[in-house]
Amino acid sequence: MRDKTQTNSAEPGDRLIRAGAIVFFIGTVATLVTVAPLFFGARPFPTYMYGLSMLMAAGFLIAGAGVLRSIAAGRRRARGGTEQPAASR
Protein backbone atom coordinates (compact mmCIF):
# COMPACT_ATOMS: atom_id res chain seq x y z
CA MET A 1 0.00 0.00 0.00
CA ARG A 2 1.23 3.45 -0.86
CA ASP A 3 1.98 6.05 1.78
CA LYS A 4 -0.57 8.84 1.35
CA THR A 5 1.72 11.48 2.87
CA GLN A 6 3.96 11.34 -0.21
CA THR A 7 1.28 11.96 -2.82
CA ASN A 8 1.66 15.74 -2.68
CA SER A 9 5.31 15.96 -1.71
CA ALA A 10 6.58 17.44 -5.00
CA GLU A 11 8.57 20.64 -4.67
CA PRO A 12 7.08 23.74 -6.32
CA GLY A 13 9.94 23.71 -8.82
CA ASP A 14 9.14 20.11 -9.75
CA ARG A 15 5.55 21.03 -10.44
CA LEU A 16 6.66 23.93 -12.67
CA ILE A 17 9.01 21.65 -14.59
CA ARG A 18 6.23 19.11 -15.10
CA ALA A 19 3.75 21.78 -16.20
CA GLY A 20 6.29 23.30 -18.58
CA ALA A 21 7.05 19.91 -20.09
CA ILE A 22 3.34 19.27 -20.66
CA VAL A 23 2.81 22.67 -22.31
CA PHE A 24 5.93 22.19 -24.46
CA PHE A 25 4.81 18.70 -25.52
CA ILE A 26 1.32 19.92 -26.46
CA GLY A 27 2.83 22.80 -28.45
CA THR A 28 5.25 20.45 -30.22
CA VAL A 29 2.59 17.94 -31.20
CA ALA A 30 0.20 20.66 -32.34
CA THR A 31 2.96 22.33 -34.39
CA LEU A 32 3.86 19.04 -36.06
CA VAL A 33 0.22 18.38 -36.89
CA THR A 34 -0.07 21.89 -38.33
CA VAL A 35 3.08 21.48 -40.45
CA ALA A 36 2.16 17.95 -41.59
CA PRO A 37 0.38 19.16 -44.78
CA LEU A 38 3.81 20.22 -46.10
CA PHE A 39 4.76 16.56 -46.35
CA PHE A 40 1.75 15.92 -48.61
CA GLY A 41 2.37 18.93 -50.85
CA ALA A 42 -0.41 21.07 -49.38
CA ARG A 43 -0.06 24.47 -47.78
CA PRO A 44 0.37 24.55 -44.01
CA PHE A 45 -1.60 26.90 -41.78
CA PRO A 46 0.96 29.64 -41.04
CA THR A 47 -1.28 31.62 -38.71
CA TYR A 48 -1.52 28.72 -36.30
CA MET A 49 2.15 27.81 -36.57
CA TYR A 50 3.31 31.05 -34.99
CA GLY A 51 0.94 30.68 -32.06
CA LEU A 52 1.84 27.06 -31.53
CA SER A 53 5.53 27.89 -31.63
CA MET A 54 4.86 30.46 -28.93
CA LEU A 55 3.15 27.72 -26.92
CA MET A 56 6.33 25.66 -27.18
CA ALA A 57 8.38 28.66 -26.08
CA ALA A 58 6.06 29.26 -23.12
CA GLY A 59 6.47 25.65 -22.03
CA PHE A 60 10.23 25.97 -22.27
CA LEU A 61 10.18 29.13 -20.15
CA ILE A 62 7.88 27.59 -17.53
CA ALA A 63 10.14 24.55 -17.23
CA GLY A 64 13.18 26.84 -17.00
CA ALA A 65 11.55 28.76 -14.16
CA GLY A 66 10.97 25.44 -12.39
CA VAL A 67 14.63 24.49 -12.78
CA LEU A 68 15.75 27.82 -11.34
CA ARG A 69 13.29 27.46 -8.47
CA SER A 70 14.59 23.96 -7.71
CA ILE A 71 18.18 25.20 -7.75
CA ALA A 72 17.30 28.05 -5.39
CA ALA A 73 15.51 25.68 -3.01
CA GLY A 74 18.49 23.33 -3.00
CA ARG A 75 20.85 26.18 -2.21
CA ARG A 76 18.60 27.38 0.61
CA ARG A 77 18.50 23.87 2.05
CA ALA A 78 22.27 23.48 1.79
CA ARG A 79 22.90 26.88 3.34
CA GLY A 80 20.35 26.39 6.11
CA GLY A 81 22.34 23.79 8.01
CA THR A 82 25.68 25.58 8.02
CA GLU A 83 24.85 29.26 8.31
CA GLN A 84 23.75 30.92 11.55
CA PRO A 85 21.20 33.73 11.63
CA ALA A 86 22.67 37.22 11.96
CA ALA A 87 20.85 37.87 15.27
CA SER A 88 22.65 35.06 17.13
CA ARG A 89 26.19 36.18 16.15
C-alpha atoms as a PDB file:
ATOM      1  CA  MET A   1       0.000   0.000   0.000  1.00  0.00           C
ATOM      2  CA  ARG A   2       1.228   3.452  -0.861  1.00  0.00           C
ATOM      3  CA  ASP A   3       1.983   6.051   1.782  1.00  0.00           C
ATOM      4  CA  LYS A   4      -0.570   8.840   1.345  1.00  0.00           C
ATOM      5  CA  THR A   5       1.716  11.483   2.869  1.00  0.00           C
ATOM      6  CA  GLN A   6       3.958  11.335  -0.209  1.00  0.00           C
ATOM      7  CA  THR A   7       1.284  11.963  -2.822  1.00  0.00           C
ATOM      8  CA  ASN A   8       1.663  15.744  -2.685  1.00  0.00           C
ATOM      9  CA  SER A   9       5.313  15.960  -1.710  1.00  0.00           C
ATOM     10  CA  ALA A  10       6.583  17.445  -4.998  1.00  0.00           C
ATOM     11  CA  GLU A  11       8.569  20.636  -4.667  1.00  0.00           C
ATOM     12  CA  PRO A  12       7.075  23.740  -6.323  1.00  0.00           C
ATOM     13  CA  GLY A  13       9.944  23.709  -8.820  1.00  0.00           C
ATOM     14  CA  ASP A  14       9.144  20.112  -9.749  1.00  0.00           C
ATOM     15  CA  ARG A  15       5.546  21.032 -10.441  1.00  0.00           C
ATOM     16  CA  LEU A  16       6.659  23.926 -12.668  1.00  0.00           C
ATOM     17  CA  ILE A  17       9.007  21.649 -14.587  1.00  0.00           C
ATOM     18  CA  ARG A  18       6.234  19.107 -15.102  1.00  0.00           C
ATOM     19  CA  ALA A  19       3.747  21.778 -16.199  1.00  0.00           C
ATOM     20  CA  GLY A  20       6.294  23.297 -18.579  1.00  0.00           C
ATOM     21  CA  ALA A  21       7.049  19.906 -20.085  1.00  0.00           C
ATOM     22  CA  ILE A  22       3.343  19.268 -20.664  1.00  0.00           C
ATOM     23  CA  VAL A  23       2.815  22.674 -22.312  1.00  0.00           C
ATOM     24  CA  PHE A  24       5.925  22.192 -24.460  1.00  0.00           C
ATOM     25  CA  PHE A  25       4.805  18.702 -25.519  1.00  0.00           C
ATOM     26  CA  ILE A  26       1.321  19.923 -26.459  1.00  0.00           C
ATOM     27  CA  GLY A  27       2.833  22.797 -28.447  1.00  0.00           C
ATOM     28  CA  THR A  28       5.249  20.454 -30.216  1.00  0.00           C
ATOM     29  CA  VAL A  29       2.585  17.940 -31.204  1.00  0.00           C
ATOM     30  CA  ALA A  30       0.204  20.663 -32.340  1.00  0.00           C
ATOM     31  CA  THR A  31       2.955  22.328 -34.387  1.00  0.00           C
ATOM     32  CA  LEU A  32       3.859  19.038 -36.056  1.00  0.00           C
ATOM     33  CA  VAL A  33       0.216  18.376 -36.890  1.00  0.00           C
ATOM     34  CA  THR A  34      -0.065  21.885 -38.330  1.00  0.00           C
ATOM     35  CA  VAL A  35       3.085  21.478 -40.449  1.00  0.00           C
ATOM     36  CA  ALA A  36       2.156  17.949 -41.589  1.00  0.00           C
ATOM     37  CA  PRO A  37       0.378  19.161 -44.776  1.00  0.00           C
ATOM     38  CA  LEU A  38       3.814  20.220 -46.096  1.00  0.00           C
ATOM     39  CA  PHE A  39       4.760  16.564 -46.355  1.00  0.00           C
ATOM     40  CA  PHE A  40       1.752  15.923 -48.613  1.00  0.00           C
ATOM     41  CA  GLY A  41       2.369  18.932 -50.845  1.00  0.00           C
ATOM     42  CA  ALA A  42      -0.414  21.071 -49.382  1.00  0.00           C
ATOM     43  CA  ARG A  43      -0.058  24.465 -47.781  1.00  0.00           C
ATOM     44  CA  PRO A  44       0.372  24.553 -44.010  1.00  0.00           C
ATOM     45  CA  PHE A  45      -1.600  26.897 -41.782  1.00  0.00           C
ATOM     46  CA  PRO A  46       0.963  29.639 -41.041  1.00  0.00           C
ATOM     47  CA  THR A  47      -1.285  31.622 -38.709  1.00  0.00           C
ATOM     48  CA  TYR A  48      -1.517  28.721 -36.301  1.00  0.00           C
ATOM     49  CA  MET A  49       2.152  27.813 -36.574  1.00  0.00           C
ATOM     50  CA  TYR A  50       3.312  31.051 -34.986  1.00  0.00           C
ATOM     51  CA  GLY A  51       0.936  30.685 -32.061  1.00  0.00           C
ATOM     52  CA  LEU A  52       1.841  27.058 -31.527  1.00  0.00           C
ATOM     53  CA  SER A  53       5.535  27.889 -31.632  1.00  0.00           C
ATOM     54  CA  MET A  54       4.865  30.457 -28.927  1.00  0.00           C
ATOM     55  CA  LEU A  55       3.151  27.716 -26.920  1.00  0.00           C
ATOM     56  CA  MET A  56       6.329  25.664 -27.177  1.00  0.00           C
ATOM     57  CA  ALA A  57       8.380  28.657 -26.079  1.00  0.00           C
ATOM     58  CA  ALA A  58       6.058  29.263 -23.120  1.00  0.00           C
ATOM     59  CA  GLY A  59       6.466  25.647 -22.027  1.00  0.00           C
ATOM     60  CA  PHE A  60      10.230  25.972 -22.271  1.00  0.00           C
ATOM     61  CA  LEU A  61      10.183  29.133 -20.146  1.00  0.00           C
ATOM     62  CA  ILE A  62       7.880  27.590 -17.525  1.00  0.00           C
ATOM     63  CA  ALA A  63      10.144  24.554 -17.229  1.00  0.00           C
ATOM     64  CA  GLY A  64      13.182  26.843 -16.997  1.00  0.00           C
ATOM     65  CA  ALA A  65      11.554  28.755 -14.161  1.00  0.00           C
ATOM     66  CA  GLY A  66      10.972  25.445 -12.393  1.00  0.00           C
ATOM     67  CA  VAL A  67      14.628  24.489 -12.783  1.00  0.00           C
ATOM     68  CA  LEU A  68      15.747  27.824 -11.343  1.00  0.00           C
ATOM     69  CA  ARG A  69      13.291  27.460  -8.469  1.00  0.00           C
ATOM     70  CA  SER A  70      14.594  23.959  -7.709  1.00  0.00           C
ATOM     71  CA  ILE A  71      18.177  25.199  -7.747  1.00  0.00           C
ATOM     72  CA  ALA A  72      17.298  28.049  -5.388  1.00  0.00           C
ATOM     73  CA  ALA A  73      15.507  25.683  -3.011  1.00  0.00           C
ATOM     74  CA  GLY A  74      18.494  23.331  -3.000  1.00  0.00           C
ATOM     75  CA  ARG A  75      20.850  26.178  -2.209  1.00  0.00           C
ATOM     76  CA  ARG A  76      18.598  27.378   0.611  1.00  0.00           C
ATOM     77  CA  ARG A  77      18.503  23.868   2.046  1.00  0.00           C
ATOM     78  CA  ALA A  78      22.268  23.483   1.787  1.00  0.00           C
ATOM     79  CA  ARG A  79      22.901  26.883   3.340  1.00  0.00           C
ATOM     80  CA  GLY A  80      20.345  26.395   6.108  1.00  0.00           C
ATOM     81  CA  GLY A  81      22.338  23.786   8.011  1.00  0.00           C
ATOM     82  CA  THR A  82      25.677  25.582   8.024  1.00  0.00           C
ATOM     83  CA  GLU A  83      24.851  29.260   8.315  1.00  0.00           C
ATOM     84  CA  GLN A  84      23.749  30.921  11.552  1.00  0.00           C
ATOM     85  CA  PRO A  85      21.199  33.727  11.630  1.00  0.00           C
ATOM     86  CA  ALA A  86      22.673  37.224  11.964  1.00  0.00           C
ATOM     87  CA  ALA A  87      20.849  37.869  15.274  1.00  0.00           C
ATOM     88  CA  SER A  88      22.654  35.064  17.126  1.00  0.00           C
ATOM     89  CA  ARG A  89      26.192  36.181  16.151  1.00  0.00           C
END
